[in-house]
């Protein structure tokens, strides 16, 4: 889950190109499903995403 959240954040930062970073738990769920074939519960994705955004200085 941490890897999925980090990749979703990284992709959002690249898309933002210096603007506000917008990433959702759904972005994490989609990345996990496409790359790990995992069906991640939304509440878990939201918790991990919140923690990773805070750790990386976006939250």
C-alpha atoms as a PDB file:
ATOM      1  CA  UNK A   1       0.000   0.000   0.000  1.00  0.00           C
ATOM      2  CA  UNK A   2       2.815   2.396   0.776  1.00  0.00           C
ATOM      3  CA  UNK A   3       4.312   1.858  -2.679  1.00  0.00           C
ATOM      4  CA  UNK A   4       0.935   2.427  -4.326  1.00  0.00           C
ATOM      5  CA  UNK A   5       0.406   5.630  -2.343  1.00  0.00           C
ATOM      6  CA  UNK A   6       3.910   6.882  -3.124  1.00  0.00           C
ATOM      7  CA  UNK A   7       3.473   6.239  -6.837  1.00  0.00           C
ATOM      8  CA  UNK A   8       0.068   7.927  -6.885  1.00  0.00           C
ATOM      9  CA  UNK A   9       1.638  10.960  -5.187  1.00  0.00           C
ATOM     10  CA  UNK A  10       4.616  10.955  -7.576  1.00  0.00           C
ATOM     11  CA  UNK A  11       2.339  10.856 -10.613  1.00  0.00           C
ATOM     12  CA  UNK A  12       0.169  13.639  -9.175  1.00  0.00           C
ATOM     13  CA  UNK A  13       3.255  15.802  -8.583  1.00  0.00           C
ATOM     14  CA  UNK A  14       4.359  15.267 -12.181  1.00  0.00           C
ATOM     15  CA  UNK A  15       0.882  16.157 -13.473  1.00  0.00           C
ATOM     16  CA  UNK A  16       0.748  19.265 -11.272  1.00  0.00           C
ATOM     17  CA  UNK A  17       3.925  20.721 -12.835  1.00  0.00           C
ATOM     18  CA  UNK A  18       4.480  23.103  -9.947  1.00  0.00           C
ATOM     19  CA  UNK A  19       0.807  23.624  -9.190  1.00  0.00           C
ATOM     20  CA  UNK A  20      -1.242  22.147  -6.381  1.00  0.00           C
ATOM     21  CA  UNK A  21      -0.849  18.393  -5.917  1.00  0.00           C
ATOM     22  CA  UNK A  22      -4.209  16.657  -6.189  1.00  0.00           C
ATOM     23  CA  UNK A  23      -4.305  12.946  -5.410  1.00  0.00           C
ATOM     24  CA  UNK A  24      -7.209  10.876  -4.091  1.00  0.00           C
ATOM     25  CA  UNK A  25      -7.600   7.484  -2.441  1.00  0.00           C
ATOM     26  CA  UNK A  26      -9.106   6.327  -5.730  1.00  0.00           C
ATOM     27  CA  UNK A  27      -5.809   7.143  -7.466  1.00  0.00           C
ATOM     28  CA  UNK A  28      -4.063   4.865  -4.958  1.00  0.00           C
ATOM     29  CA  UNK A  29      -6.632   2.105  -5.490  1.00  0.00           C
ATOM     30  CA  UNK A  30      -6.289   2.302  -9.276  1.00  0.00           C
ATOM     31  CA  UNK A  31      -2.489   2.174  -9.133  1.00  0.00           C
ATOM     32  CA  UNK A  32      -2.592  -0.832  -6.772  1.00  0.00           C
ATOM     33  CA  UNK A  33      -5.100  -2.619  -9.000  1.00  0.00           C
ATOM     34  CA  UNK A  34      -3.136  -1.993 -12.190  1.00  0.00           C
ATOM     35  CA  UNK A  35       0.312  -2.808 -10.814  1.00  0.00           C
ATOM     36  CA  UNK A  36      -0.252  -5.295  -7.990  1.00  0.00           C
ATOM     37  CA  UNK A  37      -3.649  -6.723  -8.942  1.00  0.00           C
ATOM     38  CA  UNK A  38      -4.930  -5.719  -5.498  1.00  0.00           C
ATOM     39  CA  UNK A  39      -8.392  -4.556  -4.535  1.00  0.00           C
ATOM     40  CA  UNK A  40      -7.646  -2.112  -1.728  1.00  0.00           C
ATOM     41  CA  UNK A  41     -10.426  -0.882   0.577  1.00  0.00           C
ATOM     42  CA  UNK A  42     -10.971   2.855   0.204  1.00  0.00           C
ATOM     43  CA  UNK A  43     -10.568   3.594   3.920  1.00  0.00           C
ATOM     44  CA  UNK A  44      -7.168   1.866   3.956  1.00  0.00           C
ATOM     45  CA  UNK A  45      -6.086   3.748   0.830  1.00  0.00           C
ATOM     46  CA  UNK A  46      -7.197   7.032   2.408  1.00  0.00           C
ATOM     47  CA  UNK A  47      -5.314   6.360   5.658  1.00  0.00           C
ATOM     48  CA  UNK A  48      -2.082   5.402   3.917  1.00  0.00           C
ATOM     49  CA  UNK A  49      -2.361   8.283   1.450  1.00  0.00           C
ATOM     50  CA  UNK A  50      -2.878  10.793   4.266  1.00  0.00           C
ATOM     51  CA  UNK A  51       0.151   9.489   6.142  1.00  0.00           C
ATOM     52  CA  UNK A  52       2.385   9.475   3.051  1.00  0.00           C
ATOM     53  CA  UNK A  53       1.293  12.983   1.987  1.00  0.00           C
ATOM     54  CA  UNK A  54       2.104  14.275   5.456  1.00  0.00           C
ATOM     55  CA  UNK A  55       5.480  12.499   5.475  1.00  0.00           C
ATOM     56  CA  UNK A  56       6.370  13.909   2.059  1.00  0.00           C
ATOM     57  CA  UNK A  57       5.373  17.437   3.092  1.00  0.00           C
ATOM     58  CA  UNK A  58       2.117  17.791   1.153  1.00  0.00           C
ATOM     59  CA  UNK A  59      -0.350  17.443   4.002  1.00  0.00           C
END
